[in-house]
Structure formats: C-alpha cells, structure tokens
Amino acid sequence: MNEFRTAQQAADAISAGQASSRELTEELLARIAADTEVNAIVETRPEYALRQATVADQAVASGVALGPLHGVPMTVKDAINVAGLRTTWGDPAFADYVPDTSATLVERLAGAGAIIVGKSNVHTMLGDFGQTSNELYGRTNNPHDLTRTPGGSSGGGAAALAAGLTYLEYGSDLVGSIRLPAAYCGVYGVKPTAGVVPLDGFQPPGPPAPATEFPTLSSVGPLARSAADLRTALQVTGGPLGKAMSWRLEPPRHRKVHEYRVGFVLDHPDAPVTAQVGAALSDQIDSLARQGVKLVEGWPEGVDPSAQAEDFGFQVGLFFALNGGGDEDFASLRQILDHEHRRLATRATWQAYFEDVDVLICPTSFTAAFPHDDRPFDERTIDGRPYDAQVFWISHASLTGLPAVSMPIESSGLPVGAQVIGPFHEDDTAITFADLVAGSL
C-alpha cells in the first residue's frame, strides 16, 4: 500500500493536492480484488467509487470547502445499510437485499467526504463475538496468521484494516464486536458512549423497527489504524438524528500523557490472561510509569467485576428478547426493572470513580487471536479456557454504556489489545489517551 497509513494522512494529502483520490481508490479496489487469503471485503462498487473519487479530485482543484475525510476510500460492516450495496448480515436469506436508503452514519461519512467503496464480512447475523464466518461469503482470516480468527462479528473490517484493504471502517459492538477484532488484528476500535451515533439503518433487512426509547447497549463505531482516525470518524458521525442538530465531542481532559491519572487492572480469575497478554500489559504499565503517568491499581471502589459481568449477560438476553432472536418470556417485568436499576447504579459507581481517575486500562481480551474453531459454540475452548471468557473484559463498558477504546500495544508475538475505558460522554478522553500512548500527539 502507498505511504498513507491512516485515513487522516490520506485526506490531508488529497486536500493539499499531493495525492489523487482516484489513484488511491483504484489501488484499494485492486488490492481488494487480488485478495485471496484474508477474505475481508465481500462486496464493492467500483464504478460508483471511482466516479466519486474523480468528483473529489475536481473539488480540490476548484477550491471548494472540503470535509475532514475528503476523498478517502473506506468500508462499512455488512450490517449497516448503504444505498446500492447489499446488506446481508451474512445470511443467505438476505442475499439479494439492497436498501434504498443509507444509514445516517453512512450519510454523515459521505458528507465528510468519505467514499464508501464496499462492505466488510460479518459472522452470520452477528452471532459470534470471536469469529467471522458465514455461508454466503465464507470465513475471514487474520492477516497476521491466516490459521487464526480476526475476531467477530466485525472481523472483516478489522482484518481489512490490518491487511491494507481499507483506510477506515465502521462496525458495531454489543458483545465486543468492535473491540475484540481490533485487539486480535492489531488495530484501533472504539465502542462509543451508548447512543452517541444513531443506530438507524443498522438492523436486519425488513420493515424498519418501531421507534422506542428503551435503553439499548448496542453501539456503532469506527475501527482504524490510528486513534486520531477514530476521533475524526466519531466527530463526523456522532449526534442525534436530525439535520438541524449540532454536536461535538467533549474535549479530552488532558493533552499530555503525564497529566493523566490512570487506573489499571491486568488480570482476574474469571478470565485469567495468557502469559503473552499479561507480559504486554505489564510492560505497557511500566512504560506509562516511566513517562510520569499517575497510576492507580485495582477496580473502582464498589465495583464487583464478576457480578457486573453476570448482569451484562442478563442485559444481552434482554436485548435479544426485545429485538428478536430471543425468548419473549425471558424475564419478568420485576426482574427487568431490578436489573435496569442495577445497571444505572453501576454506571454511577463508575462515574464516581472517574471524578478522580481519567481512564482505566484493562485487557480487551484474555488472549491474542486463537485458531479457527468450527465446533459447536458450547464445545469451544481457548487454551483450556471457556470460549465465552472473551466477554468478561469487554462487559463492564458495555453494561454501563461507557466509551471504550481497544488499542494495540507492543507484544512479542501476535497483536495484543489494551482496553481504555473512559467517562460517560467523554469519548475523546479515552481516544486522546490512546493517541498519546502511541506517540502520535
């Protein structure tokens, strides 16, 4: 791939007339067409993408105002509607579904100048947080080791970034489906504060879901090769529905790494980390200490991580009961109300913690990418550990709706991800910290 590793680098070069959007788009489409191993991008629209790239180059020459992603070719998860591209959710039943309209987040990306060239692979109906495979498009492999998983269900997007098949990706995260693939593929991903990015256009094909204000823990958010790209993508896609609304990311608490007060937890008996993950995280904490970062070890006071992980399991069951695919008699009204009170109380506990601490670092997963596993879900294990132990570390930010960034950290082998959990509606505090750790600011 050319010298532009990040979306921001490409956008800056295009806007300055130092690079051609059409040439970058042609190169990207060629790389996607030539890919026979990773299988990350499942559908493209070359004619449209090249036409839009030509228009982007003409706009630069004309001197008109340009968006922050002007001319940048990118992809979105095959569960997010893009007018003119199939939205299949990896299910043969939806193989021919082409939406007439795009999701709001797609329209906002296009409004910022991005060119949606295609769709990234997903697990069937987003039904696996650890792997990405379906009957329509097959299995996506991890570019770092083709015998291993890229994670799920946004594994196609994370693998595409790692393989140089896209500049930017937009995915979704309920049970770690942005953060786990980001960690396994060595890229960045953010689950934004719940509700920050509109969810319209992100649903299985069919009639639009009826409007509701019932809380949802599912989020859509970007994956990228830099934390700065996460910030840009989130800034242009966040905010309530409605063109008249204005919205901006809250500024980060600090802009120098040594100014941060950082909590950290490196292990837990419910999901003990592998030696590789433990060593990488420990080295990262040591590095922060050498840079003068104020470190606070341990879980927030009042947080019972095991109980909260169980509470998250209840909320996932409730999510599917409310949105199809689950038992409508999953729980009584009393149980639902009790769990909702506990969820909000848990968020308040974390917010009290963030009055004195800026972010908390913990593993994204207890393991690095593991070998593909076709066994039934309940028979799978990872290094002797339960398959669903992957959920433990991502559950706390998901339960509370807090923003969480998975960032790659230096490791002796396969990529390892550290999770940076930030305060509610302070997404850029977590993103900026990850940016500073990478030395990009």
Protein backbone atom coordinates (compact mmCIF):
# COMPACT_ATOMS: atom_id res chain seq x y z
CA MET A 1 0.00 0.00 0.00
CA ASN A 2 1.14 3.59 -0.53
CA GLU A 3 2.76 5.71 2.15
CA PHE A 4 -0.54 6.87 3.66
CA ARG A 5 -1.20 4.52 6.55
CA THR A 6 -4.08 6.44 8.14
CA ALA A 7 -7.27 7.97 6.80
CA GLN A 8 -6.21 11.37 8.07
CA GLN A 9 -2.89 11.19 6.23
CA ALA A 10 -4.71 10.31 3.03
CA ALA A 11 -7.33 13.05 3.49
CA ASP A 12 -4.67 15.69 4.19
CA ALA A 13 -2.66 14.68 1.13
CA ILE A 14 -5.73 14.67 -1.13
CA SER A 15 -6.90 18.05 0.15
CA ALA A 16 -3.44 19.53 -0.38
CA GLY A 17 -3.32 18.22 -3.93
CA GLN A 18 -0.41 15.93 -3.05
CA ALA A 19 -2.36 12.76 -3.79
CA SER A 20 -5.22 11.75 -6.03
CA SER A 21 -8.37 10.27 -4.54
CA ARG A 22 -8.94 8.35 -7.75
CA GLU A 23 -5.48 6.79 -7.65
CA LEU A 24 -5.88 5.79 -4.00
CA THR A 25 -9.32 4.35 -4.72
CA GLU A 26 -8.07 2.44 -7.77
CA GLU A 27 -5.21 1.00 -5.73
CA LEU A 28 -7.52 -0.03 -2.91
CA LEU A 29 -10.01 -1.70 -5.26
CA ALA A 30 -7.15 -3.57 -6.93
CA ARG A 31 -5.85 -4.83 -3.59
CA ILE A 32 -9.35 -5.99 -2.62
CA ALA A 33 -9.80 -7.77 -5.96
CA ALA A 34 -6.42 -9.50 -5.58
CA ASP A 35 -7.05 -10.71 -2.03
CA THR A 36 -7.44 -14.48 -1.97
CA GLU A 37 -6.41 -15.18 1.61
CA VAL A 38 -7.90 -12.77 4.13
CA ASN A 39 -11.42 -12.57 2.61
CA ALA A 40 -12.32 -9.40 4.48
CA ILE A 41 -14.19 -7.28 1.92
CA VAL A 42 -17.21 -9.09 0.48
CA GLU A 43 -18.68 -6.60 -1.97
CA THR A 44 -17.52 -3.43 -3.72
CA ARG A 45 -18.96 -0.88 -6.15
CA PRO A 46 -16.00 0.16 -8.31
CA GLU A 47 -17.81 2.37 -10.83
CA TYR A 48 -19.50 4.42 -8.13
CA ALA A 49 -16.33 4.68 -6.03
CA LEU A 50 -14.18 5.81 -8.96
CA ARG A 51 -16.79 8.33 -10.06
CA GLN A 52 -16.93 9.78 -6.56
CA ALA A 53 -13.14 9.85 -6.37
CA THR A 54 -12.99 11.83 -9.62
CA VAL A 55 -15.51 14.32 -8.21
CA ALA A 56 -13.38 14.57 -5.05
CA ASP A 57 -10.28 15.44 -7.08
CA GLN A 58 -12.22 18.02 -9.07
CA ALA A 59 -13.40 19.61 -5.83
CA VAL A 60 -9.81 20.03 -4.68
CA ALA A 61 -8.94 21.74 -7.94
CA SER A 62 -11.94 24.08 -7.67
CA GLY A 63 -11.01 25.31 -4.21
CA VAL A 64 -14.35 24.49 -2.50
CA ALA A 65 -14.54 23.72 1.22
CA LEU A 66 -13.54 20.12 1.92
CA GLY A 67 -14.62 17.72 4.64
CA PRO A 68 -12.22 16.05 7.09
CA LEU A 69 -12.37 12.73 5.19
CA HIS A 70 -12.37 14.24 1.71
CA GLY A 71 -11.71 11.63 -0.97
CA VAL A 72 -10.82 8.81 1.46
CA PRO A 73 -11.99 5.35 0.34
CA MET A 74 -13.40 3.26 3.19
CA THR A 75 -15.70 0.36 4.05
CA VAL A 76 -18.54 -0.40 6.44
CA LYS A 77 -19.76 -3.56 8.11
CA ASP A 78 -22.22 -5.70 6.14
CA ALA A 79 -24.94 -4.97 8.68
CA ILE A 80 -25.11 -1.23 8.02
CA ASN A 81 -27.30 -0.01 5.17
CA VAL A 82 -25.61 1.64 2.21
CA ALA A 83 -27.96 2.52 -0.65
CA GLY A 84 -26.97 0.49 -3.71
CA LEU A 85 -24.98 -2.16 -1.82
CA ARG A 86 -26.36 -5.40 -0.48
CA THR A 87 -26.91 -5.67 3.26
CA THR A 88 -26.91 -9.40 4.03
CA TRP A 89 -25.87 -9.78 7.68
CA GLY A 90 -24.05 -12.87 6.35
CA ASP A 91 -27.37 -14.69 5.99
CA PRO A 92 -28.36 -16.40 2.72
CA ALA A 93 -31.97 -15.34 3.38
CA PHE A 94 -30.90 -11.74 2.75
CA ALA A 95 -28.52 -12.40 -0.15
CA ASP A 96 -30.44 -10.14 -2.54
CA TYR A 97 -31.47 -7.34 -0.19
CA VAL A 98 -30.38 -3.90 -1.41
CA PRO A 99 -31.61 -0.97 0.72
CA ASP A 100 -32.96 2.18 -0.92
CA THR A 101 -31.52 4.48 1.73
CA SER A 102 -28.31 4.64 3.73
CA ALA A 103 -27.90 4.69 7.49
CA THR A 104 -27.46 8.15 8.96
CA LEU A 105 -23.87 7.36 9.88
CA VAL A 106 -23.14 6.49 6.24
CA GLU A 107 -24.71 9.75 5.06
CA ARG A 108 -22.60 11.66 7.59
CA LEU A 109 -19.42 9.92 6.47
CA ALA A 110 -20.23 10.80 2.88
CA GLY A 111 -20.96 14.37 3.96
CA ALA A 112 -17.46 14.49 5.44
CA GLY A 113 -16.06 13.45 2.05
CA ALA A 114 -15.52 9.71 2.58
CA ILE A 115 -16.15 7.32 -0.31
CA ILE A 116 -17.84 4.04 0.71
CA VAL A 117 -16.26 1.52 -1.66
CA GLY A 118 -17.68 -1.67 -0.18
CA LYS A 119 -18.78 -3.89 2.69
CA SER A 120 -16.75 -5.95 5.16
CA ASN A 121 -17.55 -9.50 6.18
CA VAL A 122 -19.50 -10.41 9.34
CA HIS A 123 -20.44 -13.51 11.23
CA THR A 124 -23.89 -14.84 10.37
CA MET A 125 -26.43 -12.44 11.92
CA LEU A 126 -23.54 -11.06 14.02
CA GLY A 127 -23.88 -14.17 16.14
CA ASP A 128 -20.25 -14.71 17.21
CA PHE A 129 -18.01 -12.26 19.07
CA GLY A 130 -14.91 -14.39 18.47
CA GLN A 131 -15.02 -15.40 14.79
CA THR A 132 -16.28 -14.18 11.40
CA SER A 133 -17.77 -16.73 9.04
CA ASN A 134 -20.99 -17.25 7.11
CA GLU A 135 -22.46 -19.38 4.31
CA LEU A 136 -22.60 -16.50 1.83
CA TYR A 137 -19.02 -15.28 1.88
CA GLY A 138 -17.09 -17.83 3.88
CA ARG A 139 -14.52 -17.27 6.58
CA THR A 140 -12.38 -14.19 7.21
CA ASN A 141 -8.82 -14.90 8.30
CA ASN A 142 -6.47 -12.89 10.47
CA PRO A 143 -3.80 -11.23 8.27
CA HIS A 144 -1.16 -11.84 10.96
CA ASP A 145 -1.79 -15.61 10.84
CA LEU A 146 -4.31 -16.99 8.35
CA THR A 147 -5.00 -20.01 10.55
CA ARG A 148 -6.39 -17.74 13.26
CA THR A 149 -9.53 -15.70 13.78
CA PRO A 150 -9.78 -11.95 13.24
CA GLY A 151 -12.49 -11.87 15.92
CA GLY A 152 -16.17 -11.22 15.41
CA SER A 153 -18.58 -10.07 14.45
CA SER A 154 -16.78 -7.06 12.86
CA GLY A 155 -13.86 -9.30 11.95
CA GLY A 156 -13.97 -8.39 8.28
CA GLY A 157 -13.41 -4.71 8.96
CA ALA A 158 -10.57 -5.24 11.43
CA ALA A 159 -8.86 -7.73 9.11
CA ALA A 160 -9.26 -5.34 6.17
CA LEU A 161 -7.51 -2.57 8.07
CA ALA A 162 -4.69 -4.85 9.14
CA ALA A 163 -4.27 -6.13 5.56
CA GLY A 164 -4.31 -2.68 3.97
CA LEU A 165 -7.66 -3.27 2.23
CA THR A 166 -9.34 -0.13 3.58
CA TYR A 167 -8.40 3.19 5.14
CA LEU A 168 -11.27 3.31 7.64
CA GLU A 169 -14.08 1.02 8.77
CA TYR A 170 -17.35 1.38 10.62
CA GLY A 171 -18.63 -1.53 12.72
CA SER A 172 -20.92 -2.35 15.61
CA ASP A 173 -20.41 -3.52 19.17
CA LEU A 174 -22.79 -5.19 21.60
CA VAL A 175 -20.64 -8.04 22.92
CA GLY A 176 -17.24 -6.64 21.98
CA SER A 177 -17.73 -6.85 18.22
CA ILE A 178 -15.54 -3.80 17.57
CA ARG A 179 -13.07 -4.16 20.41
CA LEU A 180 -12.27 -7.88 20.14
CA PRO A 181 -11.50 -7.83 16.39
CA ALA A 182 -9.46 -4.65 16.85
CA ALA A 183 -7.38 -6.38 19.53
CA TYR A 184 -6.90 -9.60 17.56
CA CYS A 185 -5.91 -7.76 14.37
CA GLY A 186 -3.70 -5.08 15.95
CA VAL A 187 -5.78 -2.03 15.03
CA TYR A 188 -7.80 0.58 16.91
CA GLY A 189 -11.53 0.44 17.59
CA VAL A 190 -13.92 2.40 19.77
CA LYS A 191 -17.27 1.49 21.23
CA PRO A 192 -18.66 4.99 21.72
CA THR A 193 -20.79 6.11 24.62
CA ALA A 194 -24.15 4.36 24.15
CA GLY A 195 -26.46 6.35 21.91
CA VAL A 196 -23.85 8.80 20.58
CA VAL A 197 -24.07 7.52 16.98
CA PRO A 198 -27.58 6.93 15.57
CA LEU A 199 -28.49 3.29 15.05
CA ASP A 200 -30.95 3.77 12.19
CA GLY A 201 -30.03 1.68 9.17
CA PHE A 202 -28.42 -0.90 11.43
CA GLN A 203 -30.96 -3.71 11.64
CA PRO A 204 -31.69 -6.97 9.82
CA PRO A 205 -33.40 -6.48 6.43
CA GLY A 206 -37.12 -5.91 6.70
CA PRO A 207 -39.54 -3.22 7.79
CA PRO A 208 -37.98 -0.50 9.98
CA ALA A 209 -38.03 -1.34 13.66
CA PRO A 210 -40.68 0.60 15.59
CA ALA A 211 -39.39 3.64 17.44
CA THR A 212 -38.54 3.08 21.09
CA GLU A 213 -36.70 4.86 23.86
CA PHE A 214 -35.94 1.65 25.72
CA PRO A 215 -32.22 1.62 26.54
CA THR A 216 -30.02 -0.31 24.14
CA LEU A 217 -26.46 -1.38 24.85
CA SER A 218 -25.60 -1.86 21.18
CA SER A 219 -23.37 0.79 19.62
CA VAL A 220 -21.91 1.54 16.21
CA GLY A 221 -18.42 2.98 15.94
CA PRO A 222 -15.24 3.20 13.86
CA LEU A 223 -12.17 1.00 13.52
CA ALA A 224 -8.93 2.45 12.18
CA ARG A 225 -5.15 2.25 12.05
CA SER A 226 -4.78 5.24 14.36
CA ALA A 227 -6.59 6.70 17.34
CA ALA A 228 -6.75 10.04 15.53
CA ASP A 229 -8.85 8.41 12.79
CA LEU A 230 -11.27 7.17 15.45
CA ARG A 231 -11.68 10.75 16.65
CA THR A 232 -12.34 12.09 13.15
CA ALA A 233 -14.85 9.38 12.28
CA LEU A 234 -16.70 9.71 15.56
CA GLN A 235 -16.80 13.50 15.32
CA VAL A 236 -18.48 13.41 11.92
CA THR A 237 -20.95 10.61 12.73
CA GLY A 238 -21.98 11.42 16.30
CA GLY A 239 -25.01 13.37 17.46
CA PRO A 240 -28.80 12.93 17.49
CA LEU A 241 -30.87 12.31 14.40
CA GLY A 242 -31.90 15.43 12.54
CA LYS A 243 -30.01 17.72 10.20
CA ALA A 244 -30.69 20.75 12.36
CA MET A 245 -28.90 19.27 15.34
CA SER A 246 -25.35 20.26 16.16
CA TRP A 247 -22.99 18.07 18.18
CA ARG A 248 -19.33 17.86 19.07
CA LEU A 249 -17.08 15.58 21.01
CA GLU A 250 -16.32 16.76 24.50
CA PRO A 251 -12.67 17.83 24.59
CA PRO A 252 -10.23 15.46 26.28
CA ARG A 253 -9.36 16.09 29.91
CA HIS A 254 -5.65 16.31 29.09
CA ARG A 255 -3.41 16.65 26.06
CA LYS A 256 -0.16 15.33 27.57
CA VAL A 257 0.22 11.75 28.66
CA HIS A 258 1.87 12.54 32.01
CA GLU A 259 -1.16 14.64 33.01
CA TYR A 260 -3.44 11.58 33.02
CA ARG A 261 -4.41 9.72 36.17
CA VAL A 262 -4.81 6.13 35.01
CA GLY A 263 -6.43 3.20 36.74
CA PHE A 264 -5.40 -0.28 35.70
CA VAL A 265 -6.41 -3.91 36.19
CA LEU A 266 -4.28 -6.54 34.49
CA ASP A 267 -5.88 -9.85 35.47
CA HIS A 268 -8.90 -11.55 37.05
CA PRO A 269 -9.70 -15.17 37.98
CA ASP A 270 -12.85 -15.17 35.84
CA ALA A 271 -10.78 -14.58 32.68
CA PRO A 272 -7.09 -15.05 33.53
CA VAL A 273 -4.88 -13.60 30.84
CA THR A 274 -2.38 -15.64 28.89
CA ALA A 275 1.31 -15.13 29.53
CA GLN A 276 1.68 -13.13 26.32
CA VAL A 277 -1.19 -10.77 27.13
CA GLY A 278 -0.07 -10.38 30.73
CA ALA A 279 3.51 -9.53 29.74
CA ALA A 280 2.41 -6.98 27.12
CA LEU A 281 0.05 -5.22 29.50
CA SER A 282 2.58 -5.19 32.32
CA ASP A 283 5.19 -3.70 30.01
CA GLN A 284 2.73 -1.03 28.92
CA ILE A 285 2.00 -0.03 32.51
CA ASP A 286 5.75 0.12 33.23
CA SER A 287 6.19 2.37 30.20
CA LEU A 288 3.47 4.72 31.44
CA ALA A 289 5.10 4.88 34.86
CA ARG A 290 8.41 5.90 33.26
CA GLN A 291 6.57 8.70 31.46
CA GLY A 292 5.27 10.10 34.73
CA VAL A 293 1.69 8.90 34.42
CA LYS A 294 -0.15 8.75 37.74
CA LEU A 295 -1.19 5.10 38.17
CA VAL A 296 -3.89 3.64 40.42
CA GLU A 297 -4.13 -0.14 40.57
CA GLY A 298 -7.40 -2.01 41.13
CA TRP A 299 -11.07 -1.95 40.27
CA PRO A 300 -13.13 1.11 41.17
CA GLU A 301 -14.43 1.08 44.72
CA GLY A 302 -17.85 -0.55 44.78
CA VAL A 303 -17.33 -2.47 41.54
CA ASP A 304 -17.81 -6.23 41.70
CA PRO A 305 -16.49 -7.28 38.27
CA SER A 306 -17.89 -10.82 38.43
CA ALA A 307 -21.37 -9.63 39.37
CA GLN A 308 -21.29 -6.95 36.69
CA ALA A 309 -20.26 -9.46 34.05
CA GLU A 310 -23.27 -11.57 35.06
CA ASP A 311 -25.51 -8.51 34.89
CA PHE A 312 -24.27 -7.88 31.38
CA GLY A 313 -25.23 -11.44 30.43
CA PHE A 314 -28.78 -10.68 31.57
CA GLN A 315 -28.82 -7.48 29.51
CA VAL A 316 -27.68 -9.35 26.39
CA GLY A 317 -30.51 -11.84 26.87
CA LEU A 318 -32.93 -8.96 27.29
CA PHE A 319 -31.58 -7.27 24.15
CA PHE A 320 -32.35 -10.33 22.03
CA ALA A 321 -35.75 -10.79 23.67
CA LEU A 322 -36.65 -7.22 22.71
CA ASN A 323 -35.11 -7.27 19.23
CA GLY A 324 -35.93 -10.75 18.01
CA GLY A 325 -33.96 -13.95 18.22
CA GLY A 326 -34.59 -14.38 21.94
CA ASP A 327 -37.22 -15.67 24.33
CA GLU A 328 -40.02 -13.10 24.71
CA ASP A 329 -40.68 -14.54 28.18
CA PHE A 330 -37.01 -14.16 29.06
CA ALA A 331 -37.70 -12.26 32.31
CA SER A 332 -40.49 -10.74 34.36
CA LEU A 333 -41.10 -7.02 34.49
CA ARG A 334 -39.82 -7.02 38.07
CA GLN A 335 -36.56 -8.65 37.01
CA ILE A 336 -36.12 -6.21 34.14
CA LEU A 337 -36.67 -3.20 36.41
CA ASP A 338 -34.33 -4.58 39.06
CA HIS A 339 -31.58 -5.10 36.50
CA GLU A 340 -32.13 -1.67 35.00
CA HIS A 341 -31.77 -0.08 38.44
CA ARG A 342 -28.58 -2.07 38.98
CA ARG A 343 -27.22 -1.08 35.58
CA LEU A 344 -27.72 2.63 36.24
CA ALA A 345 -26.31 2.29 39.74
CA THR A 346 -23.27 0.58 38.25
CA ARG A 347 -22.78 3.44 35.81
CA ALA A 348 -23.00 5.92 38.70
CA THR A 349 -20.32 3.94 40.56
CA TRP A 350 -18.00 4.13 37.57
CA GLN A 351 -18.72 7.83 37.09
CA ALA A 352 -17.81 8.49 40.72
CA TYR A 353 -14.52 6.70 40.05
CA PHE A 354 -13.89 8.92 37.04
CA GLU A 355 -14.13 12.03 39.17
CA ASP A 356 -10.58 11.27 40.34
CA VAL A 357 -9.32 8.93 37.61
CA ASP A 358 -9.32 9.82 33.91
CA VAL A 359 -9.31 6.39 32.25
CA LEU A 360 -8.96 2.74 33.23
CA ILE A 361 -6.74 0.30 31.33
CA CYS A 362 -7.50 -3.42 31.27
CA PRO A 363 -7.22 -6.25 28.75
CA THR A 364 -9.50 -6.18 25.73
CA SER A 365 -9.39 -9.97 25.78
CA PHE A 366 -7.57 -12.51 27.91
CA THR A 367 -5.93 -13.91 24.78
CA ALA A 368 -4.43 -12.98 21.44
CA ALA A 369 -6.04 -14.30 18.25
CA PHE A 370 -6.76 -18.02 18.52
CA PRO A 371 -7.08 -20.74 15.85
CA HIS A 372 -10.31 -21.04 13.88
CA ASP A 373 -12.76 -23.33 15.67
CA ASP A 374 -15.73 -24.90 13.89
CA ARG A 375 -17.03 -26.87 16.85
CA PRO A 376 -20.46 -26.07 18.29
CA PHE A 377 -20.42 -22.90 20.34
CA ASP A 378 -20.79 -24.62 23.71
CA GLU A 379 -17.92 -27.05 22.95
CA ARG A 380 -15.28 -24.44 22.12
CA THR A 381 -12.38 -23.60 24.39
CA ILE A 382 -9.34 -21.33 24.07
CA ASP A 383 -6.15 -22.66 25.68
CA GLY A 384 -8.35 -24.63 28.06
CA ARG A 385 -10.40 -21.57 29.00
CA PRO A 386 -14.11 -21.18 28.23
CA TYR A 387 -14.85 -19.61 24.85
CA ASP A 388 -17.18 -17.01 26.35
CA ALA A 389 -14.43 -15.81 28.71
CA GLN A 390 -13.70 -13.37 25.86
CA VAL A 391 -16.73 -11.41 27.03
CA PHE A 392 -15.57 -10.76 30.60
CA TRP A 393 -13.22 -7.85 29.93
CA ILE A 394 -15.48 -6.03 27.47
CA SER A 395 -18.63 -6.48 29.57
CA HIS A 396 -18.10 -3.62 32.02
CA ALA A 397 -18.06 -0.81 29.46
CA SER A 398 -20.90 -2.48 27.58
CA LEU A 399 -23.09 -2.79 30.67
CA THR A 400 -22.62 0.83 31.65
CA GLY A 401 -22.61 2.35 28.16
CA LEU A 402 -19.17 3.87 28.79
CA PRO A 403 -16.85 4.61 25.86
CA ALA A 404 -14.06 2.10 25.41
CA VAL A 405 -11.11 2.06 23.01
CA SER A 406 -9.16 -1.04 22.10
CA MET A 407 -5.61 -0.01 21.24
CA PRO A 408 -2.75 -2.23 20.08
CA ILE A 409 0.23 -2.43 22.40
CA GLU A 410 3.70 -3.80 21.85
CA SER A 411 3.78 -7.58 22.05
CA SER A 412 6.31 -10.34 21.48
CA GLY A 413 4.03 -12.25 19.12
CA LEU A 414 0.53 -11.84 17.76
CA PRO A 415 -1.20 -8.49 18.36
CA VAL A 416 -2.45 -7.71 21.86
CA GLY A 417 -5.07 -5.11 22.67
CA ALA A 418 -5.38 -2.95 25.76
CA GLN A 419 -8.81 -1.56 26.54
CA VAL A 420 -9.09 2.09 27.61
CA ILE A 421 -12.41 2.78 29.35
CA GLY A 422 -13.37 6.43 29.70
CA PRO A 423 -16.03 8.51 31.46
CA PHE A 424 -19.58 8.66 30.12
CA HIS A 425 -19.80 11.03 27.13
CA GLU A 426 -16.07 11.76 27.31
CA ASP A 427 -15.09 9.55 24.40
CA ASP A 428 -12.22 11.77 23.33
CA THR A 429 -10.55 11.47 26.72
CA ALA A 430 -10.10 7.74 26.02
CA ILE A 431 -9.24 8.29 22.34
CA THR A 432 -6.69 11.01 23.09
CA PHE A 433 -5.04 8.88 25.77
CA ALA A 434 -4.66 6.06 23.22
CA ASP A 435 -3.27 8.60 20.75
CA LEU A 436 -0.74 9.83 23.30
CA VAL A 437 0.34 6.30 24.22
CA ALA A 438 1.08 5.69 20.53
CA GLY A 439 3.20 8.84 20.47
CA SER A 440 1.04 10.45 17.79
CA LEU A 441 0.38 13.70 19.65
